[in-house]
PDB file of all heavy atoms in Angstrom:
ATOM      1  N   ASP A   1     -22.784 -54.458 186.774  1.00  0.00           N
ATOM      2  CA  ASP A   1     -23.663 -53.633 185.919  1.00  0.00           C
ATOM      3  C   ASP A   1     -22.950 -53.190 184.640  1.00  0.00           C
ATOM      4  O   ASP A   1     -23.435 -52.275 183.948  1.00  0.00           O
ATOM      5  CB  ASP A   1     -24.196 -52.440 186.683  1.00  0.00           C
ATOM      6  CG  ASP A   1     -23.104 -51.517 187.226  1.00  0.00           C
ATOM      7  OD1 ASP A   1     -21.920 -51.789 186.966  1.00  0.00           O
ATOM      8  OD2 ASP A   1     -23.446 -50.519 187.917  1.00  0.00           O
ATOM      9  N   GLY A   2     -21.804 -53.802 184.334  1.00  0.00           N
ATOM     10  CA  GLY A   2     -21.193 -53.613 183.039  1.00  0.00           C
ATOM     11  C   GLY A   2     -20.202 -52.463 182.921  1.00  0.00           C
ATOM     12  O   GLY A   2     -19.721 -52.203 181.824  1.00  0.00           O
ATOM     13  N   ARG A   3     -19.812 -51.851 184.010  1.00  0.00           N
ATOM     14  CA  ARG A   3     -18.812 -50.768 183.948  1.00  0.00           C
ATOM     15  C   ARG A   3     -17.396 -51.345 183.865  1.00  0.00           C
ATOM     16  O   ARG A   3     -17.098 -52.296 184.556  1.00  0.00           O
ATOM     17  CB  ARG A   3     -18.941 -49.824 185.170  1.00  0.00           C
ATOM     18  CG  ARG A   3     -20.212 -48.990 185.167  1.00  0.00           C
ATOM     19  CD  ARG A   3     -20.299 -48.160 186.443  1.00  0.00           C
ATOM     20  NE  ARG A   3     -20.491 -49.014 187.606  1.00  0.00           N
ATOM     21  CZ  ARG A   3     -19.803 -48.909 188.733  1.00  0.00           C
ATOM     22  NH1 ARG A   3     -18.834 -47.975 188.852  1.00  0.00           N
ATOM     23  NH2 ARG A   3     -20.053 -49.695 189.752  1.00  0.00           N
ATOM     24  N   ARG A   4     -16.588 -50.722 183.039  1.00  0.00           N
ATOM     25  CA  ARG A   4     -15.191 -51.120 182.900  1.00  0.00           C
ATOM     26  C   ARG A   4     -14.359 -50.232 183.832  1.00  0.00           C
ATOM     27  O   ARG A   4     -14.345 -49.016 183.707  1.00  0.00           O
ATOM     28  CB  ARG A   4     -14.733 -50.938 181.453  1.00  0.00           C
ATOM     29  CG  ARG A   4     -13.354 -51.394 181.095  1.00  0.00           C
ATOM     30  CD  ARG A   4     -13.167 -51.371 179.571  1.00  0.00           C
ATOM     31  NE  ARG A   4     -11.765 -51.451 179.191  1.00  0.00           N
ATOM     32  CZ  ARG A   4     -11.013 -50.413 178.887  1.00  0.00           C
ATOM     33  NH1 ARG A   4     -11.520 -49.172 178.876  1.00  0.00           N
ATOM     34  NH2 ARG A   4      -9.773 -50.587 178.501  1.00  0.00           N
ATOM     35  N   VAL A   5     -13.647 -50.875 184.758  1.00  0.00           N
ATOM     36  CA  VAL A   5     -12.952 -50.148 185.827  1.00  0.00           C
ATOM     37  C   VAL A   5     -11.536 -50.644 185.998  1.00  0.00           C
ATOM     38  O   VAL A   5     -11.201 -51.739 185.533  1.00  0.00           O
ATOM     39  CB  VAL A   5     -13.720 -50.279 187.174  1.00  0.00           C
ATOM     40  CG1 VAL A   5     -15.119 -49.715 187.067  1.00  0.00           C
ATOM     41  CG2 VAL A   5     -13.750 -51.741 187.663  1.00  0.00           C
ATOM     42  N   ILE A   6     -10.704 -49.830 186.670  1.00  0.00           N
ATOM     43  CA  ILE A   6      -9.405 -50.306 187.125  1.00  0.00           C
ATOM     44  C   ILE A   6      -9.364 -50.113 188.642  1.00  0.00           C
ATOM     45  O   ILE A   6     -10.014 -49.206 189.198  1.00  0.00           O
ATOM     46  CB  ILE A   6      -8.238 -49.555 186.480  1.00  0.00           C
ATOM     47  CG1 ILE A   6      -8.272 -48.056 186.771  1.00  0.00           C
ATOM     48  CG2 ILE A   6      -8.233 -49.818 184.975  1.00  0.00           C
ATOM     49  CD1 ILE A   6      -7.053 -47.295 186.221  1.00  0.00           C
ATOM     50  N   THR A   7      -8.630 -50.987 189.317  1.00  0.00           N
ATOM     51  CA  THR A   7      -8.567 -50.917 190.774  1.00  0.00           C
ATOM     52  C   THR A   7      -7.474 -51.840 191.294  1.00  0.00           C
ATOM     53  O   THR A   7      -6.889 -52.617 190.543  1.00  0.00           O
ATOM     54  CB  THR A   7      -9.943 -51.327 191.353  1.00  0.00           C
ATOM     55  OG1 THR A   7      -9.986 -51.048 192.771  1.00  0.00           O
ATOM     56  CG2 THR A   7     -10.219 -52.841 191.168  1.00  0.00           C
ATOM     57  N   THR A   8      -7.239 -51.743 192.581  1.00  0.00           N
ATOM     58  CA  THR A   8      -6.395 -52.752 193.264  1.00  0.00           C
ATOM     59  C   THR A   8      -7.309 -53.797 193.860  1.00  0.00           C
ATOM     60  O   THR A   8      -8.392 -53.468 194.424  1.00  0.00           O
ATOM     61  CB  THR A   8      -5.529 -52.083 194.349  1.00  0.00           C
ATOM     62  OG1 THR A   8      -6.399 -51.312 195.233  1.00  0.00           O
ATOM     63  CG2 THR A   8      -4.494 -51.156 193.756  1.00  0.00           C
ATOM     64  N   ALA A   9      -6.950 -55.056 193.723  1.00  0.00           N
ATOM     65  CA  ALA A   9      -7.744 -56.146 194.232  1.00  0.00           C
ATOM     66  C   ALA A   9      -7.675 -56.222 195.756  1.00  0.00           C
ATOM     67  O   ALA A   9      -6.683 -55.852 196.355  1.00  0.00           O
ATOM     68  CB  ALA A   9      -7.305 -57.437 193.613  1.00  0.00           C
ATOM     69  N   ALA A  10      -8.737 -56.729 196.340  1.00  0.00           N
ATOM     70  CA  ALA A  10      -8.824 -56.881 197.798  1.00  0.00           C
ATOM     71  C   ALA A  10      -8.318 -58.288 198.145  1.00  0.00           C
ATOM     72  O   ALA A  10      -9.048 -59.280 197.970  1.00  0.00           O
ATOM     73  CB  ALA A  10     -10.232 -56.664 198.307  1.00  0.00           C
ATOM     74  N   LEU A  11      -7.098 -58.380 198.641  1.00  0.00           N
ATOM     75  CA  LEU A  11      -6.556 -59.667 199.048  1.00  0.00           C
ATOM     76  C   LEU A  11      -7.330 -60.207 200.227  1.00  0.00           C
ATOM     77  O   LEU A  11      -7.833 -59.456 201.046  1.00  0.00           O
ATOM     78  CB  LEU A  11      -5.047 -59.497 199.394  1.00  0.00           C
ATOM     79  CG  LEU A  11      -4.192 -59.005 198.223  1.00  0.00           C
ATOM     80  CD1 LEU A  11      -2.782 -58.717 198.720  1.00  0.00           C
ATOM     81  CD2 LEU A  11      -4.158 -59.998 197.096  1.00  0.00           C
ATOM     82  N   PRO A  12      -7.453 -61.531 200.313  1.00  0.00           N
ATOM     83  CA  PRO A  12      -6.699 -62.603 199.636  1.00  0.00           C
ATOM     84  C   PRO A  12      -7.248 -63.006 198.244  1.00  0.00           C
ATOM     85  O   PRO A  12      -6.768 -63.944 197.675  1.00  0.00           O
ATOM     86  CB  PRO A  12      -6.787 -63.772 200.605  1.00  0.00           C
ATOM     87  CG  PRO A  12      -8.128 -63.594 201.263  1.00  0.00           C
ATOM     88  CD  PRO A  12      -8.296 -62.103 201.397  1.00  0.00           C
ATOM     89  N   HIS A  13      -8.244 -62.246 197.772  1.00  0.00           N
ATOM     90  CA  HIS A  13      -8.868 -62.615 196.469  1.00  0.00           C
ATOM     91  C   HIS A  13      -8.321 -61.723 195.359  1.00  0.00           C
ATOM     92  O   HIS A  13      -8.983 -60.785 194.918  1.00  0.00           O
ATOM     93  CB  HIS A  13     -10.375 -62.530 196.592  1.00  0.00           C
ATOM     94  CG  HIS A  13     -10.949 -63.355 197.685  1.00  0.00           C
ATOM     95  ND1 HIS A  13     -10.982 -64.739 197.623  1.00  0.00           N
ATOM     96  CD2 HIS A  13     -11.468 -63.012 198.892  1.00  0.00           C
ATOM     97  CE1 HIS A  13     -11.531 -65.224 198.746  1.00  0.00           C
ATOM     98  NE2 HIS A  13     -11.835 -64.207 199.512  1.00  0.00           N
ATOM     99  N   GLY A  14      -7.062 -62.017 194.937  1.00  0.00           N
ATOM    100  CA  GLY A  14      -6.401 -61.158 193.956  1.00  0.00           C
ATOM    101  C   GLY A  14      -6.865 -61.373 192.542  1.00  0.00           C
ATOM    102  O   GLY A  14      -7.837 -62.091 192.282  1.00  0.00           O
ATOM    103  N   GLY A  15      -6.170 -60.734 191.602  1.00  0.00           N
ATOM    104  CA  GLY A  15      -6.626 -60.654 190.244  1.00  0.00           C
ATOM    105  C   GLY A  15      -6.260 -61.784 189.301  1.00  0.00           C
ATOM    106  O   GLY A  15      -6.761 -61.817 188.195  1.00  0.00           O
ATOM    107  N   PHE A  16      -5.416 -62.722 189.712  1.00  0.00           N
ATOM    108  CA  PHE A  16      -5.063 -63.838 188.843  1.00  0.00           C
ATOM    109  C   PHE A  16      -6.132 -64.905 188.997  1.00  0.00           C
ATOM    110  O   PHE A  16      -5.911 -66.032 189.454  1.00  0.00           O
ATOM    111  CB  PHE A  16      -3.687 -64.376 189.157  1.00  0.00           C
ATOM    112  CG  PHE A  16      -2.581 -63.365 188.987  1.00  0.00           C
ATOM    113  CD1 PHE A  16      -1.529 -63.313 189.884  1.00  0.00           C
ATOM    114  CD2 PHE A  16      -2.608 -62.457 187.945  1.00  0.00           C
ATOM    115  CE1 PHE A  16      -0.534 -62.353 189.733  1.00  0.00           C
ATOM    116  CE2 PHE A  16      -1.616 -61.502 187.759  1.00  0.00           C
ATOM    117  CZ  PHE A  16      -0.576 -61.456 188.676  1.00  0.00           C
ATOM    118  N   ALA A  17      -7.341 -64.527 188.576  1.00  0.00           N
ATOM    119  CA  ALA A  17      -8.529 -65.380 188.696  1.00  0.00           C
ATOM    120  C   ALA A  17      -9.596 -64.839 187.756  1.00  0.00           C
ATOM    121  O   ALA A  17      -9.469 -63.737 187.199  1.00  0.00           O
ATOM    122  CB  ALA A  17      -9.038 -65.383 190.117  1.00  0.00           C
ATOM    123  N   GLU A  18     -10.658 -65.611 187.561  1.00  0.00           N
ATOM    124  CA  GLU A  18     -11.740 -65.141 186.708  1.00  0.00           C
ATOM    125  C   GLU A  18     -12.499 -64.010 187.385  1.00  0.00           C
ATOM    126  O   GLU A  18     -13.016 -63.088 186.688  1.00  0.00           O
ATOM    127  CB  GLU A  18     -12.690 -66.290 186.359  1.00  0.00           C
ATOM    128  CG  GLU A  18     -12.040 -67.343 185.449  1.00  0.00           C
ATOM    129  CD  GLU A  18     -13.025 -68.447 185.134  1.00  0.00           C
ATOM    130  OE1 GLU A  18     -14.016 -68.186 184.422  1.00  0.00           O
ATOM    131  OE2 GLU A  18     -12.803 -69.593 185.589  1.00  0.00           O
ATOM    132  N   TYR A  19     -12.621 -64.098 188.696  1.00  0.00           N
ATOM    133  CA  TYR A  19     -13.307 -63.057 189.450  1.00  0.00           C
ATOM    134  C   TYR A  19     -12.455 -62.624 190.635  1.00  0.00           C
ATOM    135  O   TYR A  19     -11.709 -63.419 191.218  1.00  0.00           O
ATOM    136  CB  TYR A  19     -14.687 -63.557 189.960  1.00  0.00           C
ATOM    137  CG  TYR A  19     -15.694 -63.744 188.858  1.00  0.00           C
ATOM    138  CD1 TYR A  19     -15.789 -64.966 188.184  1.00  0.00           C
ATOM    139  CD2 TYR A  19     -16.550 -62.709 188.493  1.00  0.00           C
ATOM    140  CE1 TYR A  19     -16.721 -65.162 187.189  1.00  0.00           C
ATOM    141  CE2 TYR A  19     -17.488 -62.904 187.486  1.00  0.00           C
ATOM    142  CZ  TYR A  19     -17.544 -64.107 186.818  1.00  0.00           C
ATOM    143  OH  TYR A  19     -18.465 -64.272 185.806  1.00  0.00           O
ATOM    144  N   THR A  20     -12.558 -61.368 190.995  1.00  0.00           N
ATOM    145  CA  THR A  20     -11.801 -60.820 192.134  1.00  0.00           C
ATOM    146  C   THR A  20     -12.726 -59.922 192.934  1.00  0.00           C
ATOM    147  O   THR A  20     -13.850 -59.620 192.516  1.00  0.00           O
ATOM    148  CB  THR A  20     -10.577 -60.035 191.637  1.00  0.00           C
ATOM    149  OG1 THR A  20      -9.763 -59.659 192.729  1.00  0.00           O
ATOM    150  CG2 THR A  20     -10.991 -58.785 190.893  1.00  0.00           C
ATOM    151  N   LEU A  21     -12.247 -59.498 194.105  1.00  0.00           N
ATOM    152  CA  LEU A  21     -12.976 -58.557 194.935  1.00  0.00           C
ATOM    153  C   LEU A  21     -12.193 -57.254 194.993  1.00  0.00           C
ATOM    154  O   LEU A  21     -10.980 -57.214 194.861  1.00  0.00           O
ATOM    155  CB  LEU A  21     -13.159 -59.081 196.344  1.00  0.00           C
ATOM    156  CG  LEU A  21     -13.991 -60.345 196.550  1.00  0.00           C
ATOM    157  CD1 LEU A  21     -14.073 -60.689 198.030  1.00  0.00           C
ATOM    158  CD2 LEU A  21     -15.394 -60.179 195.970  1.00  0.00           C
ATOM    159  N   ALA A  22     -12.932 -56.143 195.198  1.00  0.00           N
ATOM    160  CA  ALA A  22     -12.311 -54.828 195.361  1.00  0.00           C
ATOM    161  C   ALA A  22     -13.209 -53.977 196.236  1.00  0.00           C
ATOM    162  O   ALA A  22     -14.402 -54.245 196.341  1.00  0.00           O
ATOM    163  CB  ALA A  22     -12.065 -54.163 194.040  1.00  0.00           C
ATOM    164  N   ASP A  23     -12.617 -52.960 196.852  1.00  0.00           N
ATOM    165  CA  ASP A  23     -13.391 -52.008 197.630  1.00  0.00           C
ATOM    166  C   ASP A  23     -14.148 -51.140 196.648  1.00  0.00           C
ATOM    167  O   ASP A  23     -13.558 -50.567 195.737  1.00  0.00           O
ATOM    168  CB  ASP A  23     -12.488 -51.183 198.511  1.00  0.00           C
ATOM    169  CG  ASP A  23     -11.856 -51.998 199.617  1.00  0.00           C
ATOM    170  OD1 ASP A  23     -12.439 -53.006 200.033  1.00  0.00           O
ATOM    171  OD2 ASP A  23     -10.740 -51.608 200.061  1.00  0.00           O
ATOM    172  N   ALA A  24     -15.448 -50.999 196.853  1.00  0.00           N
ATOM    173  CA  ALA A  24     -16.269 -50.209 195.949  1.00  0.00           C
ATOM    174  C   ALA A  24     -15.774 -48.763 195.856  1.00  0.00           C
ATOM    175  O   ALA A  24     -15.779 -48.153 194.785  1.00  0.00           O
ATOM    176  CB  ALA A  24     -17.725 -50.220 196.403  1.00  0.00           C
ATOM    177  N   ALA A  25     -15.262 -48.238 196.966  1.00  0.00           N
ATOM    178  CA  ALA A  25     -14.796 -46.854 196.988  1.00  0.00           C
ATOM    179  C   ALA A  25     -13.531 -46.652 196.184  1.00  0.00           C
ATOM    180  O   ALA A  25     -13.209 -45.514 195.838  1.00  0.00           O
ATOM    181  CB  ALA A  25     -14.568 -46.401 198.433  1.00  0.00           C
ATOM    182  N   GLY A  26     -12.823 -47.749 195.842  1.00  0.00           N
ATOM    183  CA  GLY A  26     -11.564 -47.625 195.154  1.00  0.00           C
ATOM    184  C   GLY A  26     -11.654 -47.839 193.645  1.00  0.00           C
ATOM    185  O   GLY A  26     -10.633 -47.824 192.953  1.00  0.00           O
ATOM    186  N   LEU A  27     -12.879 -48.025 193.135  1.00  0.00           N
ATOM    187  CA  LEU A  27     -13.035 -48.233 191.686  1.00  0.00           C
ATOM    188  C   LEU A  27     -12.834 -46.946 190.903  1.00  0.00           C
ATOM    189  O   LEU A  27     -13.366 -45.880 191.306  1.00  0.00           O
ATOM    190  CB  LEU A  27     -14.413 -48.806 191.364  1.00  0.00           C
ATOM    191  CG  LEU A  27     -14.813 -50.124 192.022  1.00  0.00           C
ATOM    192  CD1 LEU A  27     -16.179 -50.571 191.539  1.00  0.00           C
ATOM    193  CD2 LEU A  27     -13.779 -51.225 191.767  1.00  0.00           C
ATOM    194  N   LEU A  28     -12.087 -47.027 189.823  1.00  0.00           N
ATOM    195  CA  LEU A  28     -11.866 -45.876 188.953  1.00  0.00           C
ATOM    196  C   LEU A  28     -12.234 -46.263 187.527  1.00  0.00           C
ATOM    197  O   LEU A  28     -11.976 -47.390 187.110  1.00  0.00           O
ATOM    198  CB  LEU A  28     -10.392 -45.443 188.982  1.00  0.00           C
ATOM    199  CG  LEU A  28      -9.886 -44.944 190.339  1.00  0.00           C
ATOM    200  CD1 LEU A  28      -8.370 -44.816 190.321  1.00  0.00           C
ATOM    201  CD2 LEU A  28     -10.524 -43.589 190.686  1.00  0.00           C
ATOM    202  N   PRO A  29     -12.850 -45.352 186.751  1.00  0.00           N
ATOM    203  CA  PRO A  29     -13.227 -45.702 185.382  1.00  0.00           C
ATOM    204  C   PRO A  29     -11.986 -45.953 184.519  1.00  0.00           C
ATOM    205  O   PRO A  29     -11.013 -45.207 184.555  1.00  0.00           O
ATOM    206  CB  PRO A  29     -13.982 -44.481 184.901  1.00  0.00           C
ATOM    207  CG  PRO A  29     -13.568 -43.351 185.789  1.00  0.00           C
ATOM    208  CD  PRO A  29     -13.256 -43.981 187.126  1.00  0.00           C
ATOM    209  N   ALA A  30     -12.001 -47.066 183.777  1.00  0.00           N
ATOM    210  CA  ALA A  30     -10.888 -47.368 182.893  1.00  0.00           C
ATOM    211  C   ALA A  30     -10.853 -46.358 181.721  1.00  0.00           C
ATOM    212  O   ALA A  30     -11.877 -46.110 181.111  1.00  0.00           O
ATOM    213  CB  ALA A  30     -11.008 -48.786 182.340  1.00  0.00           C
ATOM    214  N   PRO A  31      -9.711 -45.749 181.447  1.00  0.00           N
ATOM    215  CA  PRO A  31      -9.622 -44.783 180.346  1.00  0.00           C
ATOM    216  C   PRO A  31     -10.032 -45.412 179.031  1.00  0.00           C
ATOM    217  O   PRO A  31      -9.561 -46.493 178.655  1.00  0.00           O
ATOM    218  CB  PRO A  31      -8.153 -44.387 180.338  1.00  0.00           C
ATOM    219  CG  PRO A  31      -7.676 -44.639 181.718  1.00  0.00           C
ATOM    220  CD  PRO A  31      -8.424 -45.868 182.174  1.00  0.00           C
ATOM    221  N   GLU A  32     -10.864 -44.725 178.274  1.00  0.00           N
ATOM    222  CA  GLU A  32     -11.351 -45.239 177.014  1.00  0.00           C
ATOM    223  C   GLU A  32     -10.198 -45.328 175.979  1.00  0.00           C
ATOM    224  O   GLU A  32     -10.285 -46.151 175.050  1.00  0.00           O
ATOM    225  CB  GLU A  32     -12.463 -44.347 176.461  1.00  0.00           C
ATOM    226  CG  GLU A  32     -13.719 -44.368 177.279  1.00  0.00           C
ATOM    227  CD  GLU A  32     -14.806 -43.476 176.731  1.00  0.00           C
ATOM    228  OE1 GLU A  32     -14.593 -42.904 175.609  1.00  0.00           O
ATOM    229  OE2 GLU A  32     -15.878 -43.339 177.337  1.00  0.00           O
ATOM    230  N   ALA A  33      -9.174 -44.528 176.161  1.00  0.00           N
ATOM    231  CA  ALA A  33      -8.049 -44.521 175.201  1.00  0.00           C
ATOM    232  C   ALA A  33      -7.169 -45.753 175.324  1.00  0.00           C
ATOM    233  O   ALA A  33      -6.328 -45.997 174.450  1.00  0.00           O
ATOM    234  CB  ALA A  33      -7.224 -43.262 175.380  1.00  0.00           C
TER     235      ALA A  33
END
């Protein structure tokens, strides 16, 4: 839905890819600064 977030990826689907998975509860808003 277009939100910019930071999080830890849910292995085995890590972040060195075009798409990754993460736990919804662990999403944090990326600082605008």
